[in-house]
Amino acid sequence: MPKIKTRRAAAKRFKSTATGKIKRMKPYKSHILESKTAKRKRNLRKAALVSQSMTDVVRKMCPFI
């Protein structure tokens, strides 16, 4: 049996919580920030959870997180 490999791009983007859910950061926070309101930028700082339907996909890409 070959070793299981982690997709490195995905491993840099996702972290696991203590209960086993997967955390991600929100998009749209890297550039063109002048046109976005302060409230919108503040909400983009917070981490979000990966949806239940996408959790299995992420776990296949990152089997060790």
PDB file of N, CA and C in Angstrom:
ATOM      1  N   MET A   1       0.841  -1.194   0.000  1.00  0.00           N
ATOM      2  CA  MET A   1       0.000   0.000   0.000  1.00  0.00           C
ATOM      3  C   MET A   1       0.886   1.258   0.000  1.00  0.00           C
ATOM      4  N   PRO A   2       0.578   2.206  -0.875  1.00  0.00           N
ATOM      5  CA  PRO A   2       1.334   3.456  -0.852  1.00  0.00           C
ATOM      6  C   PRO A   2       0.915   4.321   0.341  1.00  0.00           C
ATOM      7  N   LYS A   3       1.772   5.254   0.685  1.00  0.00           N
ATOM      8  CA  LYS A   3       1.451   6.155   1.783  1.00  0.00           C
ATOM      9  C   LYS A   3       0.347   7.125   1.359  1.00  0.00           C
ATOM     10  N   ILE A   4      -0.412   7.592   2.341  1.00  0.00           N
ATOM     11  CA  ILE A   4      -1.430   8.613   2.072  1.00  0.00           C
ATOM     12  C   ILE A   4      -0.736   9.965   2.078  1.00  0.00           C
ATOM     13  N   LYS A   5      -0.978  10.761   1.034  1.00  0.00           N
ATOM     14  CA  LYS A   5      -0.359  12.081   0.953  1.00  0.00           C
ATOM     15  C   LYS A   5      -1.395  13.161   1.229  1.00  0.00           C
ATOM     16  N   THR A   6      -0.943  14.214   1.869  1.00  0.00           N
ATOM     17  CA  THR A   6      -1.780  15.373   2.149  1.00  0.00           C
ATOM     18  C   THR A   6      -1.629  16.372   1.018  1.00  0.00           C
ATOM     19  N   ARG A   7      -2.734  16.985   0.616  1.00  0.00           N
ATOM     20  CA  ARG A   7      -2.652  18.087  -0.346  1.00  0.00           C
ATOM     21  C   ARG A   7      -2.187  19.313   0.408  1.00  0.00           C
ATOM     22  N   ARG A   8      -0.967  19.754   0.115  1.00  0.00           N
ATOM     23  CA  ARG A   8      -0.340  20.806   0.910  1.00  0.00           C
ATOM     24  C   ARG A   8      -1.090  22.129   0.820  1.00  0.00           C
ATOM     25  N   ALA A   9      -1.646  22.441  -0.329  1.00  0.00           N
ATOM     26  CA  ALA A   9      -2.400  23.694  -0.477  1.00  0.00           C
ATOM     27  C   ALA A   9      -3.605  23.713   0.463  1.00  0.00           C
ATOM     28  N   ALA A  10      -4.264  22.572   0.593  1.00  0.00           N
ATOM     29  CA  ALA A  10      -5.429  22.482   1.473  1.00  0.00           C
ATOM     30  C   ALA A  10      -5.006  22.498   2.938  1.00  0.00           C
ATOM     31  N   ALA A  11      -3.871  21.880   3.248  1.00  0.00           N
ATOM     32  CA  ALA A  11      -3.408  21.815   4.635  1.00  0.00           C
ATOM     33  C   ALA A  11      -3.098  23.207   5.184  1.00  0.00           C
ATOM     34  N   LYS A  12      -2.694  24.118   4.307  1.00  0.00           N
ATOM     35  CA  LYS A  12      -2.389  25.480   4.748  1.00  0.00           C
ATOM     36  C   LYS A  12      -3.656  26.299   4.985  1.00  0.00           C
ATOM     37  N   ARG A  13      -4.780  25.863   4.443  1.00  0.00           N
ATOM     38  CA  ARG A  13      -6.009  26.642   4.512  1.00  0.00           C
ATOM     39  C   ARG A  13      -6.997  26.172   5.576  1.00  0.00           C
ATOM     40  N   PHE A  14      -6.845  24.961   6.075  1.00  0.00           N
ATOM     41  CA  PHE A  14      -7.825  24.410   7.012  1.00  0.00           C
ATOM     42  C   PHE A  14      -7.160  23.968   8.311  1.00  0.00           C
ATOM     43  N   LYS A  15      -7.891  24.140   9.417  1.00  0.00           N
ATOM     44  CA  LYS A  15      -7.453  23.651  10.722  1.00  0.00           C
ATOM     45  C   LYS A  15      -8.618  22.883  11.329  1.00  0.00           C
ATOM     46  N   SER A  16      -8.318  22.000  12.258  1.00  0.00           N
ATOM     47  CA  SER A  16      -9.346  21.216  12.919  1.00  0.00           C
ATOM     48  C   SER A  16      -9.628  21.776  14.305  1.00  0.00           C
ATOM     49  N   THR A  17     -10.891  21.741  14.726  1.00  0.00           N
ATOM     50  CA  THR A  17     -11.239  22.174  16.072  1.00  0.00           C
ATOM     51  C   THR A  17     -11.146  20.968  17.013  1.00  0.00           C
ATOM     52  N   ALA A  18     -11.304  21.209  18.297  1.00  0.00           N
ATOM     53  CA  ALA A  18     -11.202  20.135  19.284  1.00  0.00           C
ATOM     54  C   ALA A  18     -12.331  19.125  19.126  1.00  0.00           C
ATOM     55  N   THR A  19     -13.483  19.555  18.623  1.00  0.00           N
ATOM     56  CA  THR A  19     -14.613  18.645  18.458  1.00  0.00           C
ATOM     57  C   THR A  19     -14.595  17.930  17.109  1.00  0.00           C
ATOM     58  N   GLY A  20     -13.597  18.250  16.264  1.00  0.00           N
ATOM     59  CA  GLY A  20     -13.464  17.543  15.001  1.00  0.00           C
ATOM     60  C   GLY A  20     -14.033  18.278  13.797  1.00  0.00           C
ATOM     61  N   LYS A  21     -14.599  19.457  14.018  1.00  0.00           N
ATOM     62  CA  LYS A  21     -15.086  20.240  12.889  1.00  0.00           C
ATOM     63  C   LYS A  21     -13.890  20.911  12.206  1.00  0.00           C
ATOM     64  N   ILE A  22     -14.088  21.405  10.990  1.00  0.00           N
ATOM     65  CA  ILE A  22     -12.990  22.005  10.236  1.00  0.00           C
ATOM     66  C   ILE A  22     -13.218  23.504  10.106  1.00  0.00           C
ATOM     67  N   LYS A  23     -12.173  24.260  10.448  1.00  0.00           N
ATOM     68  CA  LYS A  23     -12.218  25.709  10.426  1.00  0.00           C
ATOM     69  C   LYS A  23     -11.592  26.241   9.145  1.00  0.00           C
ATOM     70  N   ARG A  24     -12.105  27.361   8.644  1.00  0.00           N
ATOM     71  CA  ARG A  24     -11.526  28.022   7.468  1.00  0.00           C
ATOM     72  C   ARG A  24     -11.610  29.525   7.663  1.00  0.00           C
ATOM     73  N   MET A  25     -10.798  30.258   6.927  1.00  0.00           N
ATOM     74  CA  MET A  25     -10.897  31.706   6.950  1.00  0.00           C
ATOM     75  C   MET A  25     -11.801  32.149   5.803  1.00  0.00           C
ATOM     76  N   LYS A  26     -12.426  33.310   5.960  1.00  0.00           N
ATOM     77  CA  LYS A  26     -13.331  33.820   4.934  1.00  0.00           C
ATOM     78  C   LYS A  26     -12.546  34.471   3.804  1.00  0.00           C
ATOM     79  N   PRO A  27     -13.058  34.405   2.590  1.00  0.00           N
ATOM     80  CA  PRO A  27     -12.385  35.043   1.453  1.00  0.00           C
ATOM     81  C   PRO A  27     -12.698  36.541   1.371  1.00  0.00           C
ATOM     82  N   TYR A  28     -12.133  37.223   0.366  1.00  0.00           N
ATOM     83  CA  TYR A  28     -12.370  38.646   0.050  1.00  0.00           C
ATOM     84  C   TYR A  28     -11.753  39.599   1.063  1.00  0.00           C
ATOM     85  N   LYS A  29     -10.625  39.251   1.673  1.00  0.00           N
ATOM     86  CA  LYS A  29     -10.010  40.121   2.673  1.00  0.00           C
ATOM     87  C   LYS A  29      -8.575  40.474   2.275  1.00  0.00           C
ATOM     88  N   SER A  30      -8.205  40.313   1.006  1.00  0.00           N
ATOM     89  CA  SER A  30      -6.794  40.513   0.662  1.00  0.00           C
ATOM     90  C   SER A  30      -6.501  41.831  -0.043  1.00  0.00           C
ATOM     91  N   HIS A  31      -7.383  42.319  -0.888  1.00  0.00           N
ATOM     92  CA  HIS A  31      -7.109  43.588  -1.586  1.00  0.00           C
ATOM     93  C   HIS A  31      -8.409  44.285  -1.954  1.00  0.00           C
ATOM     94  N   ILE A  32      -8.316  45.494  -2.479  1.00  0.00           N
ATOM     95  CA  ILE A  32      -9.450  46.389  -2.760  1.00  0.00           C
ATOM     96  C   ILE A  32     -10.287  46.577  -1.487  1.00  0.00           C
ATOM     97  N   LEU A  33      -9.623  46.968  -0.426  1.00  0.00           N
ATOM     98  CA  LEU A  33     -10.299  47.082   0.865  1.00  0.00           C
ATOM     99  C   LEU A  33     -10.905  48.463   1.095  1.00  0.00           C
ATOM    100  N   GLU A  34     -10.509  49.466   0.307  1.00  0.00           N
ATOM    101  CA  GLU A  34     -11.056  50.818   0.500  1.00  0.00           C
ATOM    102  C   GLU A  34     -12.556  50.857   0.235  1.00  0.00           C
ATOM    103  N   SER A  35     -13.008  50.071  -0.733  1.00  0.00           N
ATOM    104  CA  SER A  35     -14.424  50.124  -1.100  1.00  0.00           C
ATOM    105  C   SER A  35     -15.305  49.284  -0.174  1.00  0.00           C
ATOM    106  N   LYS A  36     -14.712  48.514   0.716  1.00  0.00           N
ATOM    107  CA  LYS A  36     -15.493  47.682   1.629  1.00  0.00           C
ATOM    108  C   LYS A  36     -15.683  48.423   2.953  1.00  0.00           C
ATOM    109  N   THR A  37     -16.840  48.268   3.536  1.00  0.00           N
ATOM    110  CA  THR A  37     -17.128  48.965   4.784  1.00  0.00           C
ATOM    111  C   THR A  37     -16.346  48.345   5.938  1.00  0.00           C
ATOM    112  N   ALA A  38     -16.200  49.130   7.001  1.00  0.00           N
ATOM    113  CA  ALA A  38     -15.467  48.648   8.174  1.00  0.00           C
ATOM    114  C   ALA A  38     -16.165  47.448   8.792  1.00  0.00           C
ATOM    115  N   LYS A  39     -17.496  47.463   8.802  1.00  0.00           N
ATOM    116  CA  LYS A  39     -18.256  46.340   9.360  1.00  0.00           C
ATOM    117  C   LYS A  39     -18.004  45.061   8.565  1.00  0.00           C
ATOM    118  N   ARG A  40     -17.973  45.198   7.237  1.00  0.00           N
ATOM    119  CA  ARG A  40     -17.740  44.025   6.386  1.00  0.00           C
ATOM    120  C   ARG A  40     -16.347  43.463   6.608  1.00  0.00           C
ATOM    121  N   LYS A  41     -15.339  44.329   6.685  1.00  0.00           N
ATOM    122  CA  LYS A  41     -13.957  43.876   6.893  1.00  0.00           C
ATOM    123  C   LYS A  41     -13.792  43.254   8.276  1.00  0.00           C
ATOM    124  N   ARG A  42     -14.491  43.788   9.263  1.00  0.00           N
ATOM    125  CA  ARG A  42     -14.423  43.251  10.617  1.00  0.00           C
ATOM    126  C   ARG A  42     -15.007  41.842  10.661  1.00  0.00           C
ATOM    127  N   ASN A  43     -16.107  41.614   9.952  1.00  0.00           N
ATOM    128  CA  ASN A  43     -16.724  40.282   9.918  1.00  0.00           C
ATOM    129  C   ASN A  43     -15.890  39.281   9.138  1.00  0.00           C
ATOM    130  N   LEU A  44     -15.089  39.751   8.191  1.00  0.00           N
ATOM    131  CA  LEU A  44     -14.239  38.851   7.411  1.00  0.00           C
ATOM    132  C   LEU A  44     -13.044  38.348   8.219  1.00  0.00           C
ATOM    133  N   ARG A  45     -12.736  39.016   9.337  1.00  0.00           N
ATOM    134  CA  ARG A  45     -11.610  38.582  10.183  1.00  0.00           C
ATOM    135  C   ARG A  45     -11.887  37.238  10.851  1.00  0.00           C
ATOM    136  N   LYS A  46     -13.132  36.988  11.187  1.00  0.00           N
ATOM    137  CA  LYS A  46     -13.481  35.811  11.981  1.00  0.00           C
ATOM    138  C   LYS A  46     -13.409  34.536  11.147  1.00  0.00           C
ATOM    139  N   ALA A  47     -13.023  33.478  11.773  1.00  0.00           N
ATOM    140  CA  ALA A  47     -12.992  32.174  11.095  1.00  0.00           C
ATOM    141  C   ALA A  47     -14.412  31.617  10.994  1.00  0.00           C
ATOM    142  N   ALA A  48     -14.623  30.754  10.016  1.00  0.00           N
ATOM    143  CA  ALA A  48     -15.919  30.100   9.834  1.00  0.00           C
ATOM    144  C   ALA A  48     -15.695  28.596   9.791  1.00  0.00           C
ATOM    145  N   LEU A  49     -16.769  27.852   9.905  1.00  0.00           N
ATOM    146  CA  LEU A  49     -16.685  26.395   9.820  1.00  0.00           C
ATOM    147  C   LEU A  49     -17.006  25.951   8.401  1.00  0.00           C
ATOM    148  N   VAL A  50     -16.356  24.897   7.969  1.00  0.00           N
ATOM    149  CA  VAL A  50     -16.640  24.311   6.663  1.00  0.00           C
ATOM    150  C   VAL A  50     -18.016  23.658   6.742  1.00  0.00           C
ATOM    151  N   SER A  51     -18.812  23.820   5.694  1.00  0.00           N
ATOM    152  CA  SER A  51     -20.164  23.270   5.694  1.00  0.00           C
ATOM    153  C   SER A  51     -20.117  21.747   5.778  1.00  0.00           C
ATOM    154  N   GLN A  52     -21.207  21.176   6.230  1.00  0.00           N
ATOM    155  CA  GLN A  52     -21.277  19.729   6.435  1.00  0.00           C
ATOM    156  C   GLN A  52     -21.078  18.970   5.134  1.00  0.00           C
ATOM    157  N   SER A  53     -21.582  19.534   4.029  1.00  0.00           N
ATOM    158  CA  SER A  53     -21.470  18.848   2.741  1.00  0.00           C
ATOM    159  C   SER A  53     -20.041  18.854   2.210  1.00  0.00           C
ATOM    160  N   MET A  54     -19.225  19.835   2.584  1.00  0.00           N
ATOM    161  CA  MET A  54     -17.854  19.927   2.092  1.00  0.00           C
ATOM    162  C   MET A  54     -16.843  19.290   3.046  1.00  0.00           C
ATOM    163  N   THR A  55     -17.270  18.910   4.231  1.00  0.00           N
ATOM    164  CA  THR A  55     -16.359  18.361   5.230  1.00  0.00           C
ATOM    165  C   THR A  55     -15.667  17.090   4.748  1.00  0.00           C
ATOM    166  N   ASP A  56     -16.404  16.206   4.106  1.00  0.00           N
ATOM    167  CA  ASP A  56     -15.817  14.956   3.615  1.00  0.00           C
ATOM    168  C   ASP A  56     -14.773  15.208   2.542  1.00  0.00           C
ATOM    169  N   VAL A  57     -15.020  16.190   1.694  1.00  0.00           N
ATOM    170  CA  VAL A  57     -14.065  16.543   0.632  1.00  0.00           C
ATOM    171  C   VAL A  57     -12.749  17.038   1.229  1.00  0.00           C
ATOM    172  N   VAL A  58     -12.855  17.897   2.247  1.00  0.00           N
ATOM    173  CA  VAL A  58     -11.669  18.450   2.897  1.00  0.00           C
ATOM    174  C   VAL A  58     -10.912  17.350   3.641  1.00  0.00           C
ATOM    175  N   ARG A  59     -11.640  16.438   4.276  1.00  0.00           N
ATOM    176  CA  ARG A  59     -10.980  15.350   5.006  1.00  0.00           C
ATOM    177  C   ARG A  59     -10.200  14.424   4.076  1.00  0.00           C
ATOM    178  N   LYS A  60     -10.679  14.239   2.858  1.00  0.00           N
ATOM    179  CA  LYS A  60      -9.934  13.425   1.881  1.00  0.00           C
ATOM    180  C   LYS A  60      -8.646  14.126   1.467  1.00  0.00           C
ATOM    181  N   MET A  61      -8.708  15.447   1.344  1.00  0.00           N
ATOM    182  CA  MET A  61      -7.512  16.202   0.951  1.00  0.00           C
ATOM    183  C   MET A  61      -6.507  16.288   2.092  1.00  0.00           C
ATOM    184  N   CYS A  62      -7.010  16.355   3.323  1.00  0.00           N
ATOM    185  CA  CYS A  62      -6.159  16.476   4.507  1.00  0.00           C
ATOM    186  C   CYS A  62      -6.515  15.378   5.497  1.00  0.00           C
ATOM    187  N   PRO A  63      -6.017  14.172   5.304  1.00  0.00           N
ATOM    188  CA  PRO A  63      -6.424  13.080   6.191  1.00  0.00           C
ATOM    189  C   PRO A  63      -5.851  13.160   7.598  1.00  0.00           C
ATOM    190  N   PHE A  64      -4.847  14.017   7.815  1.00  0.00           N
ATOM    191  CA  PHE A  64      -4.185  14.055   9.134  1.00  0.00           C
ATOM    192  C   PHE A  64      -4.515  15.268   9.968  1.00  0.00           C
ATOM    193  N   ILE A  65      -5.436  16.151   9.514  1.00  0.00           N
ATOM    194  CA  ILE A  65      -5.781  17.305  10.368  1.00  0.00           C
ATOM    195  C   ILE A  65      -6.942  16.968  11.243  1.00  0.00           C
TER     196      ILE A  65
END
